[in-house]
Protein backbone atom coordinates (compact mmCIF):
# COMPACT_ATOMS: atom_id res chain seq x y z
CA MET A 1 0.00 0.00 0.00
CA SER A 2 1.55 3.31 -1.03
CA GLU A 3 1.42 6.39 1.13
CA PRO A 4 -0.43 9.48 -0.14
CA GLN A 5 1.25 12.21 -2.06
CA SER A 6 3.67 14.36 -0.04
CA GLN A 7 5.04 17.54 -1.55
CA PRO A 8 7.51 19.76 0.32
CA VAL A 9 6.65 23.39 -0.32
CA SER A 10 10.18 24.22 0.82
CA GLN A 11 12.80 22.71 3.05
CA SER A 12 12.84 23.93 6.62
CA GLY A 13 16.44 22.93 7.35
CA MET A 14 15.40 21.81 10.85
CA THR A 15 16.04 18.37 12.25
CA ALA A 16 13.51 16.39 14.27
CA ALA A 17 15.56 17.05 17.36
CA GLU A 18 15.25 20.79 16.89
CA SER A 19 11.46 20.94 16.64
CA LYS A 20 8.32 18.99 17.39
CA PRO A 21 6.35 18.30 14.20
CA LEU A 22 2.84 19.75 14.13
CA VAL A 23 0.14 19.15 11.53
CA ILE A 24 -2.50 21.55 10.23
CA THR A 25 -5.49 20.40 8.18
CA GLY A 26 -8.44 22.13 6.58
CA GLY A 27 -9.69 23.09 3.17
CA GLY A 28 -12.12 22.73 0.36
CA SER A 29 -12.28 26.54 0.17
CA ALA A 30 -10.04 29.51 0.93
CA GLY A 31 -12.02 30.25 4.08
CA HIS A 32 -10.73 27.05 5.66
CA VAL A 33 -7.10 27.74 4.72
CA ILE A 34 -6.37 31.47 4.92
CA PRO A 35 -7.08 31.76 8.70
CA ALA A 36 -4.74 28.82 9.35
CA LEU A 37 -1.78 30.58 7.73
CA PRO A 38 -1.10 33.07 10.56
CA VAL A 39 -1.13 30.12 12.97
CA ALA A 40 1.32 28.24 10.75
CA ASP A 41 3.56 31.33 10.58
CA ALA A 42 3.60 31.64 14.37
CA LEU A 43 4.46 27.96 14.81
CA LEU A 44 7.25 28.19 12.23
CA ALA A 45 8.63 31.25 13.99
CA ARG A 46 8.86 29.19 17.19
CA GLY A 47 10.97 26.59 15.38
CA HIS A 48 8.38 23.86 14.85
CA ALA A 49 8.30 21.69 11.74
CA VAL A 50 4.84 22.22 10.22
CA HIS A 51 2.98 19.88 7.86
CA PHE A 52 -0.31 20.55 6.09
CA ILE A 53 -2.83 17.91 5.01
CA GLY A 54 -5.14 19.06 2.22
CA THR A 55 -6.85 17.79 -0.91
CA ARG A 56 -4.87 16.04 -3.62
CA SER A 57 -6.06 18.72 -6.07
CA GLY A 58 -3.53 21.02 -4.41
CA LEU A 59 -5.98 23.88 -3.80
CA GLU A 60 -4.71 24.30 -0.24
CA GLN A 61 -1.08 23.96 -1.28
CA GLY A 62 -1.44 26.96 -3.53
CA TYR A 63 -2.19 29.19 -0.53
CA LEU A 64 0.95 28.10 1.35
CA GLY A 65 3.24 30.12 -0.90
CA ASP A 66 6.92 29.77 -0.05
CA ARG A 67 6.37 28.91 3.60
CA GLN A 68 8.57 26.16 5.01
CA ILE A 69 5.66 23.72 5.21
CA THR A 70 5.46 20.17 3.86
CA PHE A 71 2.17 19.51 2.07
CA HIS A 72 0.43 16.13 1.95
CA GLY A 73 -2.42 15.60 -0.51
CA ILE A 74 -5.13 13.08 0.33
CA SER A 75 -8.35 11.92 -1.28
CA ALA A 76 -11.40 13.96 -0.32
CA GLY A 77 -15.10 13.22 -0.32
CA LYS A 78 -17.38 16.20 0.14
CA LEU A 79 -20.03 16.28 2.86
CA ARG A 80 -23.14 17.52 1.06
CA ARG A 81 -26.57 18.55 2.35
CA TYR A 82 -28.18 18.08 -1.05
CA PHE A 83 -28.74 15.19 -3.44
CA SER A 84 -25.88 14.31 -5.77
CA VAL A 85 -24.81 11.10 -7.48
CA GLN A 86 -21.43 11.63 -5.81
CA ASN A 87 -23.08 11.11 -2.43
CA PHE A 88 -22.98 7.38 -3.25
CA THR A 89 -19.23 7.31 -3.99
CA ASP A 90 -17.86 9.94 -1.61
CA PRO A 91 -18.18 7.74 1.53
CA PHE A 92 -15.58 5.45 -0.07
CA ARG A 93 -13.33 8.44 -0.80
CA ILE A 94 -13.68 9.57 2.83
CA ALA A 95 -12.82 6.08 4.09
CA TRP A 96 -9.75 5.97 1.86
CA ALA A 97 -8.78 9.46 3.06
CA VAL A 98 -8.82 8.15 6.63
CA VAL A 99 -6.34 5.43 5.59
CA GLU A 100 -4.14 7.97 3.82
CA SER A 101 -4.25 10.34 6.80
CA PHE A 102 -3.40 7.49 9.17
CA LEU A 103 -0.31 6.63 7.12
CA VAL A 104 0.84 10.26 6.94
CA LEU A 105 0.36 10.89 10.65
CA ARG A 106 1.98 7.61 11.67
CA ARG A 107 5.06 8.53 9.65
CA ILE A 108 5.26 12.16 10.85
CA ARG A 109 4.34 11.38 14.47
CA PRO A 110 3.21 14.94 15.25
CA SER A 111 2.68 16.10 18.80
CA ALA A 112 -0.68 17.73 17.90
CA LEU A 113 -3.01 18.40 14.98
CA PHE A 114 -4.79 21.69 14.32
CA SER A 115 -8.00 21.47 12.26
CA LYS A 116 -9.49 24.52 10.56
CA GLY A 117 -12.53 22.65 9.26
CA GLY A 118 -13.88 22.02 5.80
CA PHE A 119 -14.66 18.62 4.35
CA VAL A 120 -11.00 17.61 3.99
CA SER A 121 -10.42 17.90 7.75
CA LEU A 122 -12.61 15.05 9.01
CA PRO A 123 -10.40 12.11 7.89
CA PRO A 124 -7.18 13.54 9.41
CA VAL A 125 -9.00 14.36 12.66
CA PHE A 126 -10.37 10.82 12.93
CA ALA A 127 -6.98 9.30 12.05
CA ALA A 128 -5.31 11.47 14.68
CA TRP A 129 -7.79 10.21 17.27
CA LEU A 130 -7.01 6.61 16.29
CA LEU A 131 -3.30 7.31 16.81
CA GLY A 132 -3.79 9.15 20.11
CA ILE A 133 -2.68 12.50 18.65
CA PRO A 134 -4.48 15.40 20.39
CA VAL A 135 -6.60 17.64 18.15
CA VAL A 136 -7.36 21.36 18.44
CA ALA A 137 -10.18 22.48 16.12
CA HIS A 138 -11.35 25.97 15.24
CA GLU A 139 -14.87 26.99 14.18
CA SER A 140 -15.13 30.39 12.50
CA ASP A 141 -18.90 30.75 12.22
CA LEU A 142 -21.54 31.22 14.85
CA THR A 143 -23.32 28.11 13.52
CA PRO A 144 -20.78 25.29 13.14
CA GLY A 145 -19.97 23.59 9.87
CA LEU A 146 -20.80 19.94 9.30
CA ALA A 147 -17.19 18.75 9.34
CA ASN A 148 -16.56 20.26 12.77
CA ARG A 149 -19.83 18.88 14.11
CA LEU A 150 -18.89 15.38 13.00
CA SER A 151 -15.37 15.84 14.40
CA LEU A 152 -16.51 16.78 17.91
CA PRO A 153 -16.04 13.31 19.52
CA PHE A 154 -12.40 13.28 18.40
CA ILE A 155 -11.41 16.82 19.48
CA LYS A 156 -9.57 17.66 22.70
CA THR A 157 -9.98 21.44 22.44
CA LEU A 158 -12.63 23.34 20.50
CA CYS A 159 -11.84 26.99 19.74
CA THR A 160 -14.53 29.33 18.44
CA SER A 161 -14.67 32.82 16.98
CA PHE A 162 -17.88 33.79 18.77
CA SER A 163 -18.66 33.47 22.44
CA GLY A 164 -22.21 32.55 21.42
CA THR A 165 -21.04 29.42 19.60
CA ARG A 166 -19.73 27.66 22.69
CA PHE A 167 -23.15 27.88 24.36
CA SER A 168 -25.18 26.79 21.34
CA GLY A 169 -27.09 23.50 21.19
CA TYR A 170 -24.67 22.11 18.60
CA PHE A 171 -21.97 21.64 21.23
CA SER A 172 -24.13 20.77 24.22
CA GLU A 173 -22.82 17.18 24.27
CA TYR A 174 -19.18 18.17 23.85
CA LYS A 175 -17.13 17.38 26.96
CA GLY A 176 -13.75 18.72 25.91
CA ARG A 177 -12.14 22.09 26.50
CA GLN A 178 -13.86 25.08 24.88
CA VAL A 179 -12.07 28.40 24.27
CA VAL A 180 -13.22 31.59 22.56
CA THR A 181 -10.29 32.85 20.49
CA GLY A 182 -11.75 34.88 17.63
CA THR A 183 -10.60 34.20 14.05
CA PRO A 184 -6.91 34.50 13.12
CA VAL A 185 -6.04 37.55 11.04
CA ARG A 186 -2.89 37.81 8.96
CA ASP A 187 -0.18 40.16 10.27
CA SER A 188 -0.02 41.87 6.88
CA LEU A 189 -3.61 43.05 7.38
CA LEU A 190 -2.89 44.40 10.85
CA THR A 191 0.15 46.40 9.73
CA GLY A 192 -1.07 48.04 6.51
CA ASN A 193 0.05 51.52 5.46
CA ALA A 194 -2.93 53.76 4.68
CA ALA A 195 -0.73 56.41 3.04
CA LEU A 196 0.50 53.89 0.45
CA ALA A 197 -3.07 53.00 -0.53
CA ARG A 198 -4.12 56.63 -0.76
CA GLU A 199 -1.17 57.34 -3.04
CA ARG A 200 -1.82 54.22 -5.15
CA TYR A 201 -5.48 55.06 -5.79
CA GLY A 202 -5.23 58.86 -5.88
CA ILE A 203 -7.21 59.50 -2.69
CA ASP A 204 -6.91 62.98 -1.22
CA ALA A 205 -5.96 63.30 2.44
CA ASP A 206 -9.33 64.84 3.38
CA GLN A 207 -11.49 62.20 1.63
CA THR A 208 -13.35 59.55 3.62
CA VAL A 209 -12.73 56.09 2.14
CA LEU A 210 -15.60 53.63 1.68
CA LEU A 211 -14.43 50.11 0.85
CA ILE A 212 -16.94 47.69 -0.69
CA THR A 213 -16.15 44.00 -1.09
CA GLY A 214 -18.33 41.00 -1.83
CA GLY A 215 -15.59 38.43 -1.28
CA SER A 216 -13.44 36.71 -3.88
CA LEU A 217 -16.43 36.11 -6.19
CA GLY A 218 -18.04 39.49 -5.70
CA ALA A 219 -21.76 40.00 -5.09
CA GLU A 220 -24.07 40.79 -7.98
CA GLY A 221 -26.86 42.43 -5.98
CA LEU A 222 -24.43 44.49 -3.94
CA ASN A 223 -22.48 45.54 -7.02
CA ARG A 224 -25.67 46.69 -8.70
CA ILE A 225 -26.94 48.77 -5.79
CA ILE A 226 -23.54 50.46 -5.41
CA ARG A 227 -23.43 51.43 -9.08
CA ASP A 228 -27.01 52.66 -8.97
CA ASN A 229 -26.04 55.06 -6.18
CA LEU A 230 -22.60 56.21 -7.25
CA ASP A 231 -23.58 59.88 -7.42
CA ALA A 232 -24.84 59.90 -3.82
CA LEU A 233 -21.94 57.79 -2.54
CA THR A 234 -19.15 59.73 -4.23
CA GLU A 235 -20.55 63.03 -2.92
CA ARG A 236 -19.63 61.75 0.58
CA PHE A 237 -16.88 59.17 0.04
CA PHE A 238 -14.02 58.03 -2.12
CA VAL A 239 -15.39 54.61 -3.10
CA VAL A 240 -13.07 51.62 -3.62
CA HIS A 241 -15.24 48.84 -5.04
CA VAL A 242 -13.83 45.28 -5.13
CA CYS A 243 -16.29 43.74 -7.59
CA GLY A 244 -15.04 40.19 -8.17
CA ALA A 245 -13.25 38.63 -11.12
CA GLY A 246 -14.77 39.69 -14.45
CA LYS A 247 -17.37 41.92 -12.82
CA THR A 248 -16.04 45.40 -13.48
CA VAL A 249 -18.09 47.57 -15.84
CA ASN A 250 -17.36 50.59 -18.01
CA VAL A 251 -18.00 53.41 -15.55
CA SER A 252 -16.17 56.72 -15.37
CA GLN A 253 -16.90 58.45 -12.09
CA PRO A 254 -14.75 60.79 -9.99
CA SER A 255 -13.81 59.35 -6.57
CA TYR A 256 -14.63 55.80 -7.70
CA VAL A 257 -12.21 52.94 -8.30
CA GLN A 258 -13.20 49.43 -9.43
CA LEU A 259 -10.97 46.43 -8.72
CA GLU A 260 -11.61 42.79 -9.59
CA PHE A 261 -9.69 41.61 -6.54
CA VAL A 262 -6.73 42.73 -4.44
CA ASP A 263 -3.79 40.60 -3.37
CA ALA A 264 -0.65 42.66 -2.79
CA GLY A 265 -1.51 45.82 -0.90
CA TRP A 266 -4.76 44.53 0.62
CA GLY A 267 -3.51 45.40 4.10
CA ASP A 268 -2.74 48.94 2.95
CA LEU A 269 -6.20 49.30 1.43
CA LEU A 270 -7.85 48.06 4.64
CA ALA A 271 -5.78 50.52 6.66
CA SER A 272 -7.02 53.38 4.48
CA ALA A 273 -10.71 52.42 4.76
CA ASP A 274 -12.87 54.49 7.10
CA LEU A 275 -16.05 52.47 6.47
CA VAL A 276 -16.66 49.04 4.93
CA ILE A 277 -19.56 47.29 3.19
CA SER A 278 -19.13 43.53 2.88
CA ARG A 279 -20.65 40.08 3.06
CA ALA A 280 -20.83 38.48 6.51
CA GLY A 281 -18.43 35.57 6.27
CA ALA A 282 -16.67 35.05 9.60
CA ASN A 283 -13.19 35.63 8.20
CA ALA A 284 -14.10 39.01 6.69
CA LEU A 285 -16.08 40.02 9.77
CA PHE A 286 -13.17 39.37 12.09
CA GLU A 287 -10.84 41.35 9.86
CA TRP A 288 -13.13 44.35 10.36
CA VAL A 289 -13.34 43.68 14.11
CA ALA A 290 -9.57 43.26 14.50
CA LEU A 291 -8.97 46.49 12.57
CA GLY A 292 -11.83 48.36 14.24
CA LYS A 293 -13.50 49.21 10.92
CA PRO A 294 -17.16 50.31 11.18
CA ASN A 295 -19.02 48.14 8.70
CA VAL A 296 -22.30 47.38 7.00
CA LEU A 297 -22.86 43.65 6.53
CA VAL A 298 -24.99 42.35 3.65
CA PRO A 299 -25.14 38.61 4.46
CA LEU A 300 -25.71 35.92 1.88
CA PRO A 301 -29.34 34.79 2.14
CA ALA A 302 -30.14 31.27 3.31
CA GLY A 303 -30.66 30.11 -0.28
CA GLY A 304 -27.07 31.04 -1.13
CA SER A 305 -25.48 29.45 1.93
CA ARG A 306 -26.28 27.26 4.93
CA GLY A 307 -27.44 30.40 6.78
CA ASP A 308 -24.16 30.98 8.57
CA GLN A 309 -23.76 34.53 7.26
CA LEU A 310 -27.19 35.52 8.52
CA ALA A 311 -26.30 34.23 11.98
CA ASN A 312 -22.89 35.93 11.92
CA ALA A 313 -24.47 39.24 10.92
CA GLN A 314 -27.13 39.16 13.62
CA TYR A 315 -24.51 38.37 16.25
CA ALA A 316 -22.34 41.28 15.04
CA LEU A 317 -25.37 43.58 15.16
CA ALA A 318 -26.15 42.53 18.74
CA GLN A 319 -22.54 43.13 19.77
CA GLY A 320 -22.62 46.66 18.34
CA TRP A 321 -19.93 45.89 15.75
CA SER A 322 -21.97 46.34 12.58
CA GLU A 323 -25.00 47.64 10.78
CA VAL A 324 -26.86 44.89 8.90
CA VAL A 325 -28.88 45.14 5.69
CA GLU A 326 -30.23 41.80 4.50
CA GLU A 327 -30.23 41.27 0.75
CA GLU A 328 -34.01 41.26 0.38
CA GLU A 329 -34.05 44.68 2.11
CA LEU A 330 -31.21 46.08 0.02
CA SER A 331 -32.27 49.44 -1.37
CA SER A 332 -30.68 52.81 -1.96
CA GLU A 333 -32.44 54.35 1.03
CA ARG A 334 -31.61 51.49 3.40
CA LEU A 335 -27.94 51.34 2.44
CA LEU A 336 -27.39 55.10 2.65
CA ALA A 337 -29.15 55.22 6.03
CA ALA A 338 -26.86 52.47 7.36
CA LEU A 339 -23.79 54.36 6.14
CA SER A 340 -25.03 57.55 7.79
CA SER A 341 -25.40 55.70 11.09
CA LEU A 342 -21.88 54.32 10.78
CA SER A 343 -20.42 57.73 10.02
CA GLU A 344 -22.26 59.42 12.88
CA HIS A 345 -21.41 56.78 15.49
CA SER A 346 -18.09 55.43 14.17
CA GLU A 347 -16.32 55.81 17.53
CA THR A 348 -19.03 53.77 19.27
CA TYR A 349 -18.68 50.91 16.76
CA ALA A 350 -14.89 51.00 17.01
CA ALA A 351 -15.01 50.86 20.82
CA ALA A 352 -17.34 47.84 20.76
CA MET A 353 -15.00 46.00 18.39
CA ALA A 354 -11.94 46.84 20.50
CA GLU A 355 -13.49 45.09 23.49
CA HIS A 356 -13.47 41.76 21.64
CA GLY A 357 -9.66 41.51 21.37
CA ALA A 358 -9.84 39.88 17.92
CA ALA A 359 -6.22 40.72 17.14
CA ASP A 360 -5.08 38.22 19.83
CA ALA A 361 -6.61 35.18 18.08
CA VAL A 362 -3.34 33.78 16.70
CA ALA A 363 -1.60 33.90 20.08
CA LYS A 364 -4.56 32.22 21.77
CA LEU A 365 -4.71 29.41 19.21
CA VAL A 366 -0.96 28.80 19.33
CA GLU A 367 -1.16 28.60 23.10
CA GLU A 368 -3.89 25.94 22.89
CA ILE A 369 -1.99 23.90 20.29
CA LEU A 370 1.28 23.98 22.18
CA SER A 371 -0.36 23.18 25.50
CA LEU A 372 -1.65 19.92 23.99
CA SER A 373 1.63 19.37 22.17
CA SER A 374 3.56 19.36 25.44
CA ALA A 375 0.91 17.46 27.45
């Protein structure tokens, strides 16, 4: 029986005696990988050898960049809530992924495994449990994903972004350690240079910057309402509109910039933003909270997701972090009123977000992982 594919992203140059190997798993989408990267960076900085288990397609590997992490690709069967012919074959892929994960973990012999969720994470978590390797898992959303719910019996420590998650009915039977950590945010986003972004996009020093983003794929309804109200918005703000790949249009408007997406310089652009309009994914929300950015959330409706964004948005509203406009209520009047409230009470929103301590999430997660690693 051959072991699953292992691909070193780069060589760490560290011997086993110099560091304790640790494994990170998660994937199926960027949202289950990107928040794990600051944790990986912190572990590498402490001298630990870090491995990552993801899908054989290599989607997760692509996000690792040139980090000194060894990647292991395994088979993956998706956990679906809807009918698909693949539902009949994916249980076999999941079972094989457990075997592959078992072989990888037995060879690496890590002192702990950190799971960021997503359908690829369940087999490594189960294999770690079989081998007696302690598991720390992190749930970003207020309502937990299916993979983390199924992983609960095999997890030593469950970390959550929201304090409300740990008291929800989903985890009522969980007997392990529960810790509220927030969601990890990349250092590059916390240390952006607003002046660089203003220079790059031609923003005057006295202009208030409104950043609009619908995520990596954009948001059609949000894009449309923004463009329908450009005159009103640009009278008050310099608008930076991240539309999504292929979703820019031919518009010439003073104080308006369209971008398909932003990679390099995203931290600078966030630093320059005074107000934000975005979807309500947990990763984006905790970027705004960590940076103290007053925001309007336009969550994906239940038909476009499992309802997690609606729950995230309502929690953020109750905490005083955000204004919320649900998509079916999205109108010019409603959106402009929400922005007016943000502008008028921006210090109140910022103070509420500061109380959460979201910028400490990486340190808290590393502490939980290393405490199990040394146990």
